[in-house]
Amino acid sequence: MALSKLDSLYMAVVADHSKNPHHQGKLEDAEQISLNNPTCGDVINLSVKFDADDRLEDIAFSKLRLCHLNCLC
């Protein structure tokens, strides 16, 4: 029974995140890197901003290219 409640909670969190994504977009004045997944063609841009002590200050991502139709992801 506890597992089904955990599953329900997980599904609710995933549904909420898909409706209200966090850390999506591009940060100005941040390190930028494009990453690709050669198996399906996904390309994402990752923006990472560090503070003066080189600690993570903010992070964001944006998807530049979607999976192609034959992808299993």
N, C-alpha and C. Protein backbone atom coordinates (compact mmCIF):
# COMPACT_ATOMS: atom_id res chain seq x y z
N MET A 1 0.82 -1.19 0.00
CA MET A 1 0.00 0.00 0.00
C MET A 1 0.86 1.26 0.00
N ALA A 2 1.94 1.25 0.78
CA ALA A 2 2.81 2.43 0.87
C ALA A 2 3.46 2.73 -0.49
N LEU A 3 3.79 1.69 -1.24
CA LEU A 3 4.41 1.90 -2.53
C LEU A 3 3.45 2.59 -3.49
N SER A 4 2.18 2.26 -3.47
CA SER A 4 1.23 2.91 -4.36
C SER A 4 1.07 4.39 -4.00
N LYS A 5 1.15 4.73 -2.70
CA LYS A 5 1.10 6.14 -2.31
C LYS A 5 2.34 6.87 -2.80
N LEU A 6 3.49 6.21 -2.71
CA LEU A 6 4.73 6.80 -3.21
C LEU A 6 4.66 6.98 -4.72
N ASP A 7 4.13 5.99 -5.42
CA ASP A 7 3.96 6.11 -6.86
C ASP A 7 3.05 7.28 -7.22
N SER A 8 1.97 7.44 -6.47
CA SER A 8 1.05 8.55 -6.72
C SER A 8 1.72 9.89 -6.49
N LEU A 9 2.52 9.99 -5.44
CA LEU A 9 3.24 11.22 -5.16
C LEU A 9 4.23 11.52 -6.27
N TYR A 10 4.96 10.50 -6.70
CA TYR A 10 5.93 10.67 -7.79
C TYR A 10 5.23 11.17 -9.05
N MET A 11 4.12 10.55 -9.40
CA MET A 11 3.38 10.97 -10.60
C MET A 11 2.90 12.41 -10.48
N ALA A 12 2.46 12.82 -9.29
CA ALA A 12 2.01 14.19 -9.07
C ALA A 12 3.17 15.18 -9.23
N VAL A 13 4.34 14.82 -8.71
CA VAL A 13 5.51 15.69 -8.83
C VAL A 13 5.94 15.82 -10.29
N VAL A 14 5.96 14.70 -11.00
CA VAL A 14 6.34 14.72 -12.41
C VAL A 14 5.34 15.55 -13.23
N ALA A 15 4.05 15.36 -12.97
CA ALA A 15 3.02 16.14 -13.69
C ALA A 15 3.16 17.62 -13.39
N ASP A 16 3.40 17.98 -12.13
CA ASP A 16 3.56 19.39 -11.77
C ASP A 16 4.78 19.99 -12.45
N HIS A 17 5.88 19.24 -12.47
CA HIS A 17 7.10 19.76 -13.10
C HIS A 17 6.93 19.93 -14.61
N SER A 18 6.18 19.05 -15.24
CA SER A 18 5.96 19.20 -16.68
C SER A 18 5.09 20.41 -16.99
N LYS A 19 4.18 20.76 -16.08
CA LYS A 19 3.33 21.94 -16.28
C LYS A 19 4.06 23.23 -15.90
N ASN A 20 4.94 23.15 -14.91
CA ASN A 20 5.67 24.31 -14.40
C ASN A 20 7.16 23.99 -14.30
N PRO A 21 7.86 23.93 -15.45
CA PRO A 21 9.27 23.53 -15.42
C PRO A 21 10.13 24.54 -14.66
N HIS A 22 11.13 24.03 -13.97
CA HIS A 22 12.06 24.85 -13.22
C HIS A 22 13.38 24.96 -13.98
N HIS A 23 14.05 26.06 -13.82
CA HIS A 23 15.39 26.26 -14.38
C HIS A 23 15.42 26.11 -15.90
N GLN A 24 14.38 26.56 -16.56
CA GLN A 24 14.34 26.47 -18.01
C GLN A 24 14.59 27.86 -18.59
N GLY A 25 15.40 27.93 -19.60
CA GLY A 25 15.73 29.19 -20.25
C GLY A 25 17.22 29.33 -20.42
N LYS A 26 17.66 30.55 -20.61
CA LYS A 26 19.08 30.83 -20.80
C LYS A 26 19.47 31.96 -19.86
N LEU A 27 20.56 31.79 -19.12
CA LEU A 27 21.04 32.81 -18.21
C LEU A 27 22.01 33.73 -18.93
N GLU A 28 21.90 35.02 -18.66
CA GLU A 28 22.87 35.98 -19.19
C GLU A 28 24.08 35.99 -18.28
N ASP A 29 25.23 36.37 -18.79
CA ASP A 29 26.48 36.44 -18.02
C ASP A 29 26.78 35.13 -17.30
N ALA A 30 26.62 34.02 -18.01
CA ALA A 30 26.87 32.70 -17.43
C ALA A 30 27.67 31.86 -18.42
N GLU A 31 28.31 30.82 -17.91
CA GLU A 31 29.00 29.87 -18.77
C GLU A 31 27.94 29.12 -19.58
N GLN A 32 28.18 28.95 -20.88
CA GLN A 32 27.23 28.27 -21.76
C GLN A 32 27.91 27.04 -22.37
N ILE A 33 27.19 25.96 -22.44
CA ILE A 33 27.70 24.76 -23.11
C ILE A 33 26.53 24.06 -23.79
N SER A 34 26.78 23.57 -24.99
CA SER A 34 25.77 22.78 -25.70
C SER A 34 26.17 21.32 -25.60
N LEU A 35 25.21 20.49 -25.23
CA LEU A 35 25.45 19.06 -25.06
C LEU A 35 24.55 18.30 -26.01
N ASN A 36 25.06 17.23 -26.60
CA ASN A 36 24.20 16.45 -27.48
C ASN A 36 24.23 14.98 -27.11
N ASN A 37 23.14 14.31 -27.42
CA ASN A 37 23.01 12.88 -27.23
C ASN A 37 23.03 12.26 -28.62
N PRO A 38 24.14 11.65 -29.01
CA PRO A 38 24.25 11.13 -30.36
C PRO A 38 23.28 9.99 -30.69
N THR A 39 22.75 9.32 -29.68
CA THR A 39 21.85 8.20 -29.95
C THR A 39 20.49 8.67 -30.44
N CYS A 40 20.04 9.87 -30.03
CA CYS A 40 18.71 10.30 -30.47
C CYS A 40 18.70 11.69 -31.09
N GLY A 41 19.80 12.42 -30.99
CA GLY A 41 19.86 13.73 -31.62
C GLY A 41 19.45 14.89 -30.74
N ASP A 42 19.13 14.64 -29.47
CA ASP A 42 18.81 15.73 -28.56
C ASP A 42 20.01 16.67 -28.42
N VAL A 43 19.75 17.96 -28.40
CA VAL A 43 20.78 18.95 -28.12
C VAL A 43 20.20 19.90 -27.10
N ILE A 44 20.91 20.11 -25.98
CA ILE A 44 20.46 21.07 -24.97
C ILE A 44 21.56 22.10 -24.73
N ASN A 45 21.15 23.30 -24.37
CA ASN A 45 22.08 24.33 -23.95
C ASN A 45 22.01 24.41 -22.44
N LEU A 46 23.15 24.36 -21.79
CA LEU A 46 23.22 24.44 -20.34
C LEU A 46 23.91 25.74 -19.97
N SER A 47 23.25 26.55 -19.13
CA SER A 47 23.81 27.80 -18.63
C SER A 47 24.12 27.61 -17.15
N VAL A 48 25.36 27.90 -16.76
CA VAL A 48 25.77 27.75 -15.37
C VAL A 48 26.43 29.04 -14.91
N LYS A 49 25.94 29.55 -13.78
CA LYS A 49 26.48 30.79 -13.23
C LYS A 49 27.09 30.51 -11.86
N PHE A 50 28.32 31.00 -11.64
CA PHE A 50 29.03 30.82 -10.39
C PHE A 50 29.19 32.16 -9.68
N ASP A 51 29.23 32.12 -8.34
CA ASP A 51 29.45 33.35 -7.59
C ASP A 51 30.96 33.62 -7.47
N ALA A 52 31.34 34.64 -6.73
CA ALA A 52 32.74 35.03 -6.59
C ALA A 52 33.60 33.94 -5.96
N ASP A 53 32.99 33.06 -5.17
CA ASP A 53 33.73 31.96 -4.53
C ASP A 53 33.66 30.67 -5.32
N ASP A 54 33.27 30.77 -6.59
CA ASP A 54 33.14 29.62 -7.49
C ASP A 54 32.13 28.59 -7.02
N ARG A 55 31.11 29.05 -6.30
CA ARG A 55 30.00 28.18 -5.92
C ARG A 55 28.87 28.39 -6.92
N LEU A 56 28.12 27.35 -7.13
CA LEU A 56 27.00 27.41 -8.07
C LEU A 56 25.98 28.45 -7.60
N GLU A 57 25.70 29.41 -8.46
CA GLU A 57 24.72 30.46 -8.13
C GLU A 57 23.39 30.20 -8.81
N ASP A 58 23.43 29.76 -10.06
CA ASP A 58 22.19 29.49 -10.80
C ASP A 58 22.50 28.57 -11.96
N ILE A 59 21.48 27.88 -12.43
CA ILE A 59 21.63 26.96 -13.55
C ILE A 59 20.33 26.95 -14.34
N ALA A 60 20.45 26.80 -15.64
CA ALA A 60 19.26 26.76 -16.50
C ALA A 60 19.59 25.91 -17.73
N PHE A 61 18.54 25.43 -18.38
CA PHE A 61 18.74 24.66 -19.59
C PHE A 61 17.67 25.03 -20.61
N SER A 62 17.99 24.80 -21.86
CA SER A 62 17.00 24.93 -22.93
C SER A 62 17.29 23.85 -23.95
N LYS A 63 16.24 23.29 -24.49
CA LYS A 63 16.37 22.24 -25.48
C LYS A 63 16.42 22.89 -26.85
N LEU A 64 17.52 22.67 -27.56
CA LEU A 64 17.71 23.29 -28.86
C LEU A 64 17.13 22.46 -29.99
N ARG A 65 17.17 21.15 -29.83
CA ARG A 65 16.64 20.28 -30.88
C ARG A 65 15.95 19.10 -30.21
N LEU A 66 14.79 18.77 -30.68
CA LEU A 66 14.01 17.67 -30.11
C LEU A 66 14.45 16.35 -30.70
N CYS A 67 14.10 15.29 -30.00
CA CYS A 67 14.36 13.94 -30.52
C CYS A 67 13.71 13.76 -31.88
N HIS A 68 14.33 12.97 -32.71
CA HIS A 68 13.69 12.65 -33.99
C HIS A 68 12.66 11.53 -33.76
N LEU A 69 11.87 11.26 -34.74
CA LEU A 69 10.72 10.37 -34.58
C LEU A 69 11.06 8.93 -34.21
N ASN A 70 12.23 8.44 -34.59
CA ASN A 70 12.59 7.05 -34.31
C ASN A 70 13.22 6.87 -32.93
N CYS A 71 13.30 7.94 -32.17
CA CYS A 71 13.97 7.90 -30.86
C CYS A 71 13.08 7.21 -29.83
N LEU A 72 13.70 6.50 -28.89
CA LEU A 72 12.97 5.85 -27.82
C LEU A 72 12.96 6.66 -26.54
N CYS A 73 13.56 7.86 -26.54
CA CYS A 73 13.62 8.63 -25.30
C CYS A 73 12.34 9.43 -25.07
